[in-house]
Amino acid sequence: MTFFKSLAHDEQGATAIEYGLIAALIAVAAITAMSALGSTLDGTFSNVSSKMQPGTTGA
């Protein structure tokens, strides 16, 4: 019975789960932000590429 009482008062597992959930939330937010930024950068580089003049060969 003492084992179950100590198990009920042990909060280390709950704290570890909370930290894991926070880390997962931060990871999802970072992935979402990077995905949106990647799309914006792709559009910017495509725009720049289409407006550049081709270079000349030779020196």
Protein backbone atom coordinates (compact mmCIF):
# COMPACT_ATOMS: atom_id res chain seq x y z
CA MET A 1 0.00 0.00 0.00
CA THR A 2 2.90 2.35 0.72
CA PHE A 3 4.16 1.85 -2.85
CA PHE A 4 0.86 3.07 -4.30
CA LYS A 5 0.79 6.11 -1.99
CA SER A 6 4.29 7.11 -3.06
CA LEU A 7 3.38 6.50 -6.69
CA ALA A 8 0.33 8.77 -6.37
CA HIS A 9 2.44 11.59 -4.89
CA ASP A 10 5.21 11.30 -7.49
CA GLU A 11 4.85 14.14 -10.00
CA GLN A 12 8.08 13.66 -11.96
CA GLY A 13 6.33 11.82 -14.77
CA ALA A 14 3.68 14.50 -15.12
CA THR A 15 6.33 17.22 -15.28
CA ALA A 16 8.26 15.33 -17.96
CA ILE A 17 5.08 14.94 -20.02
CA GLU A 18 4.33 18.66 -19.67
CA TYR A 19 7.82 19.57 -20.87
CA GLY A 20 7.43 17.15 -23.76
CA LEU A 21 4.13 18.75 -24.77
CA ILE A 22 5.66 22.22 -24.61
CA ALA A 23 8.60 21.09 -26.77
CA ALA A 24 6.19 19.55 -29.30
CA LEU A 25 4.15 22.76 -29.44
CA ILE A 26 7.28 24.83 -30.03
CA ALA A 27 8.38 22.42 -32.77
CA VAL A 28 5.01 22.66 -34.54
CA ALA A 29 5.09 26.46 -34.35
CA ALA A 30 8.66 26.56 -35.70
CA ILE A 31 7.82 24.20 -38.58
CA THR A 32 4.76 26.28 -39.50
CA ALA A 33 6.75 29.53 -39.41
CA MET A 34 9.60 28.08 -41.47
CA SER A 35 7.18 26.69 -44.03
CA ALA A 36 5.53 30.08 -44.49
CA LEU A 37 8.91 31.80 -44.69
CA GLY A 38 10.12 29.24 -47.22
CA SER A 39 7.17 29.93 -49.50
CA THR A 40 7.81 33.66 -49.29
CA LEU A 41 11.51 33.23 -50.05
CA ASP A 42 10.73 30.94 -52.97
CA GLY A 43 8.51 33.61 -54.49
CA THR A 44 11.12 36.30 -53.92
CA PHE A 45 13.92 34.30 -55.54
CA SER A 46 11.69 33.36 -58.49
CA ASN A 47 10.85 37.03 -58.99
CA VAL A 48 14.50 38.08 -58.87
CA SER A 49 15.51 35.24 -61.19
CA SER A 50 12.91 36.17 -63.80
CA LYS A 51 13.95 39.86 -63.81
CA MET A 52 17.71 39.31 -64.12
CA GLN A 53 19.43 39.63 -67.47
CA PRO A 54 21.45 36.63 -68.62
CA GLY A 55 25.19 37.13 -68.25
CA THR A 56 27.62 37.22 -71.17
CA THR A 57 30.20 34.51 -71.67
CA GLY A 58 33.88 35.25 -71.97
CA ALA A 59 36.08 37.76 -70.24
